[in-house]
């Protein structure tokens, strides 16, 4: 008996090239929400580092800094990928 690897055929749904289509109001709301979220994250990072820094060890500062970098990076990457796809 032959050892056969099963063949999977994935079906990718075909979408219209302009999908999703947003109205100008929806696009403006999306920009505003992302800007407010990024501004709030920047304020939160400043507050967090201010609260931790006075009595923190190097380990604490490094771990909080990595967390803050990840938070701001995530909130920056999400809208930039969405907006770059829309512009393309």
PDB file of N, CA and C in Angstrom:
ATOM      1  N   UNK A   1       0.834  -1.179   0.000  1.00  0.00           N
ATOM      2  CA  UNK A   1       0.000   0.000   0.000  1.00  0.00           C
ATOM      3  C   UNK A   1       0.878   1.242   0.000  1.00  0.00           C
ATOM      4  N   UNK A   2       0.534   2.172  -0.826  1.00  0.00           N
ATOM      5  CA  UNK A   2       1.266   3.410  -0.978  1.00  0.00           C
ATOM      6  C   UNK A   2       0.883   4.426   0.091  1.00  0.00           C
ATOM      7  N   UNK A   3       1.873   5.151   0.575  1.00  0.00           N
ATOM      8  CA  UNK A   3       1.613   6.221   1.527  1.00  0.00           C
ATOM      9  C   UNK A   3       1.283   7.485   0.744  1.00  0.00           C
ATOM     10  N   UNK A   4       0.055   7.908   0.811  1.00  0.00           N
ATOM     11  CA  UNK A   4      -0.365   9.081   0.055  1.00  0.00           C
ATOM     12  C   UNK A   4      -0.648  10.237   1.005  1.00  0.00           C
ATOM     13  N   UNK A   5      -0.126  11.367   0.634  1.00  0.00           N
ATOM     14  CA  UNK A   5      -0.408  12.582   1.384  1.00  0.00           C
ATOM     15  C   UNK A   5      -1.711  13.159   0.865  1.00  0.00           C
ATOM     16  N   UNK A   6      -2.636  13.465   1.777  1.00  0.00           N
ATOM     17  CA  UNK A   6      -3.909  14.006   1.295  1.00  0.00           C
ATOM     18  C   UNK A   6      -3.717  15.356   0.623  1.00  0.00           C
ATOM     19  N   UNK A   7      -4.463  15.563  -0.419  1.00  0.00           N
ATOM     20  CA  UNK A   7      -4.406  16.817  -1.162  1.00  0.00           C
ATOM     21  C   UNK A   7      -5.560  17.709  -0.700  1.00  0.00           C
ATOM     22  N   UNK A   8      -5.206  18.865  -0.164  1.00  0.00           N
ATOM     23  CA  UNK A   8      -6.223  19.820   0.265  1.00  0.00           C
ATOM     24  C   UNK A   8      -6.322  20.927  -0.768  1.00  0.00           C
ATOM     25  N   UNK A   9      -7.507  21.292  -1.074  1.00  0.00           N
ATOM     26  CA  UNK A   9      -7.727  22.394  -2.002  1.00  0.00           C
ATOM     27  C   UNK A   9      -8.501  23.477  -1.265  1.00  0.00           C
ATOM     28  N   UNK A  10      -7.799  24.534  -0.975  1.00  0.00           N
ATOM     29  CA  UNK A  10      -8.420  25.640  -0.262  1.00  0.00           C
ATOM     30  C   UNK A  10      -9.138  26.531  -1.252  1.00  0.00           C
ATOM     31  N   UNK A  11     -10.302  26.918  -0.884  1.00  0.00           N
ATOM     32  CA  UNK A  11     -11.072  27.834  -1.720  1.00  0.00           C
ATOM     33  C   UNK A  11     -11.050  29.210  -1.060  1.00  0.00           C
ATOM     34  N   UNK A  12     -10.448  30.123  -1.742  1.00  0.00           N
ATOM     35  CA  UNK A  12     -10.364  31.484  -1.249  1.00  0.00           C
ATOM     36  C   UNK A  12     -11.515  32.277  -1.858  1.00  0.00           C
ATOM     37  N   UNK A  13     -12.333  32.895  -0.994  1.00  0.00           N
ATOM     38  CA  UNK A  13     -13.437  33.672  -1.575  1.00  0.00           C
ATOM     39  C   UNK A  13     -12.919  34.859  -2.372  1.00  0.00           C
ATOM     40  N   UNK A  14     -13.486  35.048  -3.507  1.00  0.00           N
ATOM     41  CA  UNK A  14     -13.092  36.161  -4.361  1.00  0.00           C
ATOM     42  C   UNK A  14     -13.965  37.369  -4.031  1.00  0.00           C
ATOM     43  N   UNK A  15     -13.311  38.460  -3.690  1.00  0.00           N
ATOM     44  CA  UNK A  15     -14.024  39.684  -3.346  1.00  0.00           C
ATOM     45  C   UNK A  15     -13.821  40.710  -4.445  1.00  0.00           C
ATOM     46  N   UNK A  16     -14.705  41.651  -4.470  1.00  0.00           N
ATOM     47  CA  UNK A  16     -14.569  42.761  -5.390  1.00  0.00           C
ATOM     48  C   UNK A  16     -13.302  43.523  -5.037  1.00  0.00           C
ATOM     49  N   UNK A  17     -12.526  44.014  -5.998  1.00  0.00           N
ATOM     50  CA  UNK A  17     -11.265  44.692  -5.697  1.00  0.00           C
ATOM     51  C   UNK A  17     -11.418  45.932  -4.822  1.00  0.00           C
ATOM     52  N   UNK A  18     -12.580  46.556  -4.849  1.00  0.00           N
ATOM     53  CA  UNK A  18     -12.793  47.749  -4.040  1.00  0.00           C
ATOM     54  C   UNK A  18     -13.417  47.438  -2.682  1.00  0.00           C
ATOM     55  N   UNK A  19     -13.515  46.174  -2.318  1.00  0.00           N
ATOM     56  CA  UNK A  19     -14.128  45.794  -1.046  1.00  0.00           C
ATOM     57  C   UNK A  19     -13.153  46.046   0.079  1.00  0.00           C
ATOM     58  N   UNK A  20     -13.489  46.570   1.211  1.00  0.00           N
ATOM     59  CA  UNK A  20     -14.753  47.207   1.517  1.00  0.00           C
ATOM     60  C   UNK A  20     -14.769  48.644   1.031  1.00  0.00           C
ATOM     61  N   UNK A  21     -15.931  49.115   0.718  1.00  0.00           N
ATOM     62  CA  UNK A  21     -16.089  50.491   0.256  1.00  0.00           C
ATOM     63  C   UNK A  21     -16.691  51.294   1.406  1.00  0.00           C
ATOM     64  N   UNK A  22     -15.954  52.308   1.848  1.00  0.00           N
ATOM     65  CA  UNK A  22     -16.416  53.141   2.949  1.00  0.00           C
ATOM     66  C   UNK A  22     -16.870  54.493   2.434  1.00  0.00           C
ATOM     67  N   UNK A  23     -17.845  55.054   3.113  1.00  0.00           N
ATOM     68  CA  UNK A  23     -18.261  56.413   2.788  1.00  0.00           C
ATOM     69  C   UNK A  23     -17.219  57.375   3.357  1.00  0.00           C
ATOM     70  N   UNK A  24     -17.308  58.610   2.967  1.00  0.00           N
ATOM     71  CA  UNK A  24     -16.373  59.620   3.478  1.00  0.00           C
ATOM     72  C   UNK A  24     -16.525  59.776   4.990  1.00  0.00           C
ATOM     73  N   UNK A  25     -17.751  59.701   5.492  1.00  0.00           N
ATOM     74  CA  UNK A  25     -17.984  59.829   6.937  1.00  0.00           C
ATOM     75  C   UNK A  25     -17.371  58.651   7.695  1.00  0.00           C
ATOM     76  N   UNK A  26     -17.519  57.439   7.152  1.00  0.00           N
ATOM     77  CA  UNK A  26     -16.933  56.271   7.805  1.00  0.00           C
ATOM     78  C   UNK A  26     -15.412  56.347   7.809  1.00  0.00           C
ATOM     79  N   UNK A  27     -14.849  56.788   6.716  1.00  0.00           N
ATOM     80  CA  UNK A  27     -13.400  56.924   6.632  1.00  0.00           C
ATOM     81  C   UNK A  27     -12.893  57.986   7.605  1.00  0.00           C
ATOM     82  N   UNK A  28     -13.604  59.107   7.711  1.00  0.00           N
ATOM     83  CA  UNK A  28     -13.212  60.155   8.655  1.00  0.00           C
ATOM     84  C   UNK A  28     -13.316  59.659  10.090  1.00  0.00           C
ATOM     85  N   UNK A  29     -14.376  58.934  10.405  1.00  0.00           N
ATOM     86  CA  UNK A  29     -14.538  58.387  11.755  1.00  0.00           C
ATOM     87  C   UNK A  29     -13.420  57.397  12.079  1.00  0.00           C
ATOM     88  N   UNK A  30     -13.041  56.594  11.105  1.00  0.00           N
ATOM     89  CA  UNK A  30     -11.950  55.634  11.296  1.00  0.00           C
ATOM     90  C   UNK A  30     -10.642  56.364  11.602  1.00  0.00           C
ATOM     91  N   UNK A  31     -10.355  57.412  10.864  1.00  0.00           N
ATOM     92  CA  UNK A  31      -9.139  58.189  11.109  1.00  0.00           C
ATOM     93  C   UNK A  31      -9.162  58.832  12.498  1.00  0.00           C
ATOM     94  N   UNK A  32     -10.294  59.388  12.866  1.00  0.00           N
ATOM     95  CA  UNK A  32     -10.401  60.046  14.171  1.00  0.00           C
ATOM     96  C   UNK A  32     -10.229  59.045  15.306  1.00  0.00           C
ATOM     97  N   UNK A  33     -10.876  57.899  15.204  1.00  0.00           N
ATOM     98  CA  UNK A  33     -10.783  56.878  16.252  1.00  0.00           C
ATOM     99  C   UNK A  33      -9.349  56.396  16.412  1.00  0.00           C
ATOM    100  N   UNK A  34      -8.671  56.140  15.304  1.00  0.00           N
ATOM    101  CA  UNK A  34      -7.283  55.690  15.399  1.00  0.00           C
ATOM    102  C   UNK A  34      -6.372  56.774  15.961  1.00  0.00           C
ATOM    103  N   UNK A  35      -6.608  58.025  15.584  1.00  0.00           N
ATOM    104  CA  UNK A  35      -5.796  59.110  16.114  1.00  0.00           C
ATOM    105  C   UNK A  35      -6.018  59.271  17.615  1.00  0.00           C
ATOM    106  N   UNK A  36      -7.272  59.217  18.066  1.00  0.00           N
ATOM    107  CA  UNK A  36      -7.573  59.339  19.497  1.00  0.00           C
ATOM    108  C   UNK A  36      -6.956  58.165  20.271  1.00  0.00           C
ATOM    109  N   UNK A  37      -7.050  56.976  19.727  1.00  0.00           N
ATOM    110  CA  UNK A  37      -6.460  55.808  20.389  1.00  0.00           C
ATOM    111  C   UNK A  37      -4.952  55.920  20.509  1.00  0.00           C
ATOM    112  N   UNK A  38      -4.304  56.383  19.464  1.00  0.00           N
ATOM    113  CA  UNK A  38      -2.845  56.538  19.506  1.00  0.00           C
ATOM    114  C   UNK A  38      -2.439  57.650  20.467  1.00  0.00           C
ATOM    115  N   UNK A  39      -3.196  58.739  20.497  1.00  0.00           N
ATOM    116  CA  UNK A  39      -2.907  59.817  21.442  1.00  0.00           C
ATOM    117  C   UNK A  39      -3.113  59.354  22.883  1.00  0.00           C
ATOM    118  N   UNK A  40      -4.172  58.583  23.132  1.00  0.00           N
ATOM    119  CA  UNK A  40      -4.412  58.053  24.474  1.00  0.00           C
ATOM    120  C   UNK A  40      -3.310  57.077  24.874  1.00  0.00           C
ATOM    121  N   UNK A  41      -2.844  56.269  23.934  1.00  0.00           N
ATOM    122  CA  UNK A  41      -1.758  55.332  24.232  1.00  0.00           C
ATOM    123  C   UNK A  41      -0.472  56.077  24.566  1.00  0.00           C
ATOM    124  N   UNK A  42      -0.188  57.147  23.828  1.00  0.00           N
ATOM    125  CA  UNK A  42       1.012  57.940  24.116  1.00  0.00           C
ATOM    126  C   UNK A  42       0.925  58.559  25.502  1.00  0.00           C
ATOM    127  N   UNK A  43      -0.253  59.060  25.873  1.00  0.00           N
ATOM    128  CA  UNK A  43      -0.438  59.612  27.214  1.00  0.00           C
ATOM    129  C   UNK A  43      -0.302  58.524  28.272  1.00  0.00           C
ATOM    130  N   UNK A  44      -0.847  57.351  27.994  1.00  0.00           N
ATOM    131  CA  UNK A  44      -0.762  56.244  28.946  1.00  0.00           C
ATOM    132  C   UNK A  44       0.677  55.775  29.125  1.00  0.00           C
ATOM    133  N   UNK A  45       1.442  55.769  28.043  1.00  0.00           N
ATOM    134  CA  UNK A  45       2.851  55.382  28.130  1.00  0.00           C
ATOM    135  C   UNK A  45       3.612  56.377  29.006  1.00  0.00           C
ATOM    136  N   UNK A  46       3.379  57.652  28.791  1.00  0.00           N
ATOM    137  CA  UNK A  46       4.032  58.659  29.619  1.00  0.00           C
ATOM    138  C   UNK A  46       3.663  58.527  31.081  1.00  0.00           C
ATOM    139  N   UNK A  47       2.373  58.303  31.354  1.00  0.00           N
ATOM    140  CA  UNK A  47       1.915  58.133  32.733  1.00  0.00           C
ATOM    141  C   UNK A  47       2.529  56.892  33.365  1.00  0.00           C
ATOM    142  N   UNK A  48       2.538  55.800  32.625  1.00  0.00           N
ATOM    143  CA  UNK A  48       3.067  54.549  33.158  1.00  0.00           C
ATOM    144  C   UNK A  48       4.559  54.664  33.467  1.00  0.00           C
ATOM    145  N   UNK A  49       5.310  55.230  32.556  1.00  0.00           N
ATOM    146  CA  UNK A  49       6.746  55.384  32.811  1.00  0.00           C
ATOM    147  C   UNK A  49       7.004  56.347  33.962  1.00  0.00           C
ATOM    148  N   UNK A  50       6.180  57.381  34.101  1.00  0.00           N
ATOM    149  CA  UNK A  50       6.320  58.316  35.215  1.00  0.00           C
ATOM    150  C   UNK A  50       6.032  57.637  36.553  1.00  0.00           C
ATOM    151  N   UNK A  51       5.045  56.754  36.587  1.00  0.00           N
ATOM    152  CA  UNK A  51       4.681  56.061  37.828  1.00  0.00           C
ATOM    153  C   UNK A  51       5.695  54.986  38.199  1.00  0.00           C
ATOM    154  N   UNK A  52       6.273  54.330  37.225  1.00  0.00           N
ATOM    155  CA  UNK A  52       7.178  53.214  37.488  1.00  0.00           C
ATOM    156  C   UNK A  52       8.597  53.691  37.766  1.00  0.00           C
ATOM    157  N   UNK A  53       9.035  54.716  37.080  1.00  0.00           N
ATOM    158  CA  UNK A  53      10.440  55.123  37.087  1.00  0.00           C
ATOM    159  C   UNK A  53      11.047  55.428  38.452  1.00  0.00           C
ATOM    160  N   UNK A  54      10.385  56.127  39.375  1.00  0.00           N
ATOM    161  CA  UNK A  54      11.083  56.528  40.602  1.00  0.00           C
ATOM    162  C   UNK A  54      11.675  55.380  41.412  1.00  0.00           C
ATOM    163  N   UNK A  55      10.959  54.306  41.600  1.00  0.00           N
ATOM    164  CA  UNK A  55      11.489  53.227  42.434  1.00  0.00           C
ATOM    165  C   UNK A  55      11.784  51.958  41.671  1.00  0.00           C
ATOM    166  N   UNK A  56      11.917  52.051  40.370  1.00  0.00           N
ATOM    167  CA  UNK A  56      12.044  50.846  39.549  1.00  0.00           C
ATOM    168  C   UNK A  56      13.494  50.412  39.396  1.00  0.00           C
ATOM    169  N   UNK A  57      13.645  49.113  39.249  1.00  0.00           N
ATOM    170  CA  UNK A  57      14.953  48.555  38.914  1.00  0.00           C
ATOM    171  C   UNK A  57      15.097  48.582  37.391  1.00  0.00           C
ATOM    172  N   UNK A  58      16.270  48.232  36.938  1.00  0.00           N
ATOM    173  CA  UNK A  58      16.504  48.175  35.491  1.00  0.00           C
ATOM    174  C   UNK A  58      15.574  47.155  34.838  1.00  0.00           C
ATOM    175  N   UNK A  59      15.348  46.023  35.499  1.00  0.00           N
ATOM    176  CA  UNK A  59      14.446  44.999  34.951  1.00  0.00           C
ATOM    177  C   UNK A  59      13.038  45.553  34.763  1.00  0.00           C
ATOM    178  N   UNK A  60      12.564  46.295  35.763  1.00  0.00           N
ATOM    179  CA  UNK A  60      11.229  46.876  35.649  1.00  0.00           C
ATOM    180  C   UNK A  60      11.155  47.879  34.503  1.00  0.00           C
ATOM    181  N   UNK A  61      12.151  48.736  34.405  1.00  0.00           N
ATOM    182  CA  UNK A  61      12.146  49.747  33.345  1.00  0.00           C
ATOM    183  C   UNK A  61      12.210  49.112  31.956  1.00  0.00           C
ATOM    184  N   UNK A  62      13.026  48.079  31.819  1.00  0.00           N
ATOM    185  CA  UNK A  62      13.136  47.407  30.519  1.00  0.00           C
ATOM    186  C   UNK A  62      11.826  46.720  30.162  1.00  0.00           C
ATOM    187  N   UNK A  63      11.233  46.011  31.118  1.00  0.00           N
ATOM    188  CA  UNK A  63       9.995  45.292  30.817  1.00  0.00           C
ATOM    189  C   UNK A  63       8.845  46.254  30.510  1.00  0.00           C
ATOM    190  N   UNK A  64       8.741  47.350  31.260  1.00  0.00           N
ATOM    191  CA  UNK A  64       7.687  48.325  30.987  1.00  0.00           C
ATOM    192  C   UNK A  64       7.943  49.032  29.658  1.00  0.00           C
ATOM    193  N   UNK A  65       9.199  49.304  29.358  1.00  0.00           N
ATOM    194  CA  UNK A  65       9.524  49.938  28.080  1.00  0.00           C
ATOM    195  C   UNK A  65       9.176  49.030  26.906  1.00  0.00           C
ATOM    196  N   UNK A  66       9.443  47.735  27.042  1.00  0.00           N
ATOM    197  CA  UNK A  66       9.083  46.782  25.984  1.00  0.00           C
ATOM    198  C   UNK A  66       7.565  46.740  25.813  1.00  0.00           C
ATOM    199  N   UNK A  67       6.842  46.731  26.927  1.00  0.00           N
ATOM    200  CA  UNK A  67       5.378  46.747  26.864  1.00  0.00           C
ATOM    201  C   UNK A  67       4.890  48.006  26.151  1.00  0.00           C
ATOM    202  N   UNK A  68       5.434  49.152  26.526  1.00  0.00           N
ATOM    203  CA  UNK A  68       5.027  50.426  25.926  1.00  0.00           C
ATOM    204  C   UNK A  68       5.346  50.464  24.435  1.00  0.00           C
ATOM    205  N   UNK A  69       6.516  49.968  24.064  1.00  0.00           N
ATOM    206  CA  UNK A  69       6.893  49.916  22.651  1.00  0.00           C
ATOM    207  C   UNK A  69       5.915  49.033  21.871  1.00  0.00           C
ATOM    208  N   UNK A  70       5.551  47.891  22.448  1.00  0.00           N
ATOM    209  CA  UNK A  70       4.596  47.001  21.796  1.00  0.00           C
ATOM    210  C   UNK A  70       3.220  47.620  21.655  1.00  0.00           C
ATOM    211  N   UNK A  71       2.774  48.330  22.694  1.00  0.00           N
ATOM    212  CA  UNK A  71       1.467  48.979  22.652  1.00  0.00           C
ATOM    213  C   UNK A  71       1.406  50.037  21.557  1.00  0.00           C
ATOM    214  N   UNK A  72       2.375  50.920  21.554  1.00  0.00           N
ATOM    215  CA  UNK A  72       2.392  51.980  20.542  1.00  0.00           C
ATOM    216  C   UNK A  72       2.623  51.394  19.147  1.00  0.00           C
ATOM    217  N   UNK A  73       3.470  50.379  19.054  1.00  0.00           N
ATOM    218  CA  UNK A  73       3.708  49.732  17.763  1.00  0.00           C
ATOM    219  C   UNK A  73       2.458  49.094  17.194  1.00  0.00           C
ATOM    220  N   UNK A  74       1.696  48.412  18.055  1.00  0.00           N
ATOM    221  CA  UNK A  74       0.462  47.777  17.605  1.00  0.00           C
ATOM    222  C   UNK A  74      -0.545  48.821  17.141  1.00  0.00           C
ATOM    223  N   UNK A  75      -0.688  49.883  17.912  1.00  0.00           N
ATOM    224  CA  UNK A  75      -1.662  50.910  17.570  1.00  0.00           C
ATOM    225  C   UNK A  75      -1.226  51.748  16.377  1.00  0.00           C
ATOM    226  N   UNK A  76       0.050  51.717  16.044  1.00  0.00           N
ATOM    227  CA  UNK A  76       0.538  52.410  14.853  1.00  0.00           C
ATOM    228  C   UNK A  76       0.431  51.513  13.621  1.00  0.00           C
ATOM    229  N   UNK A  77       0.730  50.239  13.789  1.00  0.00           N
ATOM    230  CA  UNK A  77       0.726  49.313  12.654  1.00  0.00           C
ATOM    231  C   UNK A  77      -0.678  49.027  12.134  1.00  0.00           C
ATOM    232  N   UNK A  78      -1.646  48.929  13.029  1.00  0.00           N
ATOM    233  CA  UNK A  78      -3.004  48.577  12.593  1.00  0.00           C
ATOM    234  C   UNK A  78      -3.578  49.598  11.615  1.00  0.00           C
ATOM    235  N   UNK A  79      -3.618  50.875  11.940  1.00  0.00           N
ATOM    236  CA  UNK A  79      -4.195  51.801  10.958  1.00  0.00           C
ATOM    237  C   UNK A  79      -3.322  52.006   9.729  1.00  0.00           C
ATOM    238  N   UNK A  80      -2.004  51.899   9.877  1.00  0.00           N
ATOM    239  CA  UNK A  80      -1.170  52.120   8.699  1.00  0.00           C
ATOM    240  C   UNK A  80      -1.339  51.001   7.676  1.00  0.00           C
ATOM    241  N   UNK A  81      -1.601  49.779   8.114  1.00  0.00           N
ATOM    242  CA  UNK A  81      -1.865  48.714   7.137  1.00  0.00           C
ATOM    243  C   UNK A  81      -3.223  48.913   6.489  1.00  0.00           C
ATOM    244  N   UNK A  82      -4.207  49.328   7.253  1.00  0.00           N
ATOM    245  CA  UNK A  82      -5.539  49.557   6.689  1.00  0.00           C
ATOM    246  C   UNK A  82      -5.499  50.687   5.683  1.00  0.00           C
ATOM    247  N   UNK A  83      -4.843  51.787   6.047  1.00  0.00           N
ATOM    248  CA  UNK A  83      -4.816  52.958   5.167  1.00  0.00           C
ATOM    249  C   UNK A  83      -3.953  52.704   3.947  1.00  0.00           C
ATOM    250  N   UNK A  84      -2.899  51.907   4.065  1.00  0.00           N
ATOM    251  CA  UNK A  84      -2.074  51.636   2.889  1.00  0.00           C
ATOM    252  C   UNK A  84      -2.812  50.752   1.892  1.00  0.00           C
ATOM    253  N   UNK A  85      -3.638  49.833   2.379  1.00  0.00           N
ATOM    254  CA  UNK A  85      -4.434  48.979   1.488  1.00  0.00           C
ATOM    255  C   UNK A  85      -5.461  49.820   0.761  1.00  0.00           C
ATOM    256  N   UNK A  86      -6.073  50.752   1.457  1.00  0.00           N
ATOM    257  CA  UNK A  86      -7.088  51.596   0.827  1.00  0.00           C
ATOM    258  C   UNK A  86      -6.473  52.486  -0.239  1.00  0.00           C
ATOM    259  N   UNK A  87      -5.248  52.942   0.000  1.00  0.00           N
ATOM    260  CA  UNK A  87      -4.603  53.862  -0.941  1.00  0.00           C
ATOM    261  C   UNK A  87      -4.097  53.148  -2.177  1.00  0.00           C
ATOM    262  N   UNK A  88      -3.842  51.840  -2.070  1.00  0.00           N
ATOM    263  CA  UNK A  88      -3.252  51.097  -3.186  1.00  0.00           C
ATOM    264  C   UNK A  88      -4.227  50.869  -4.316  1.00  0.00           C
TER     265      UNK A  88
END
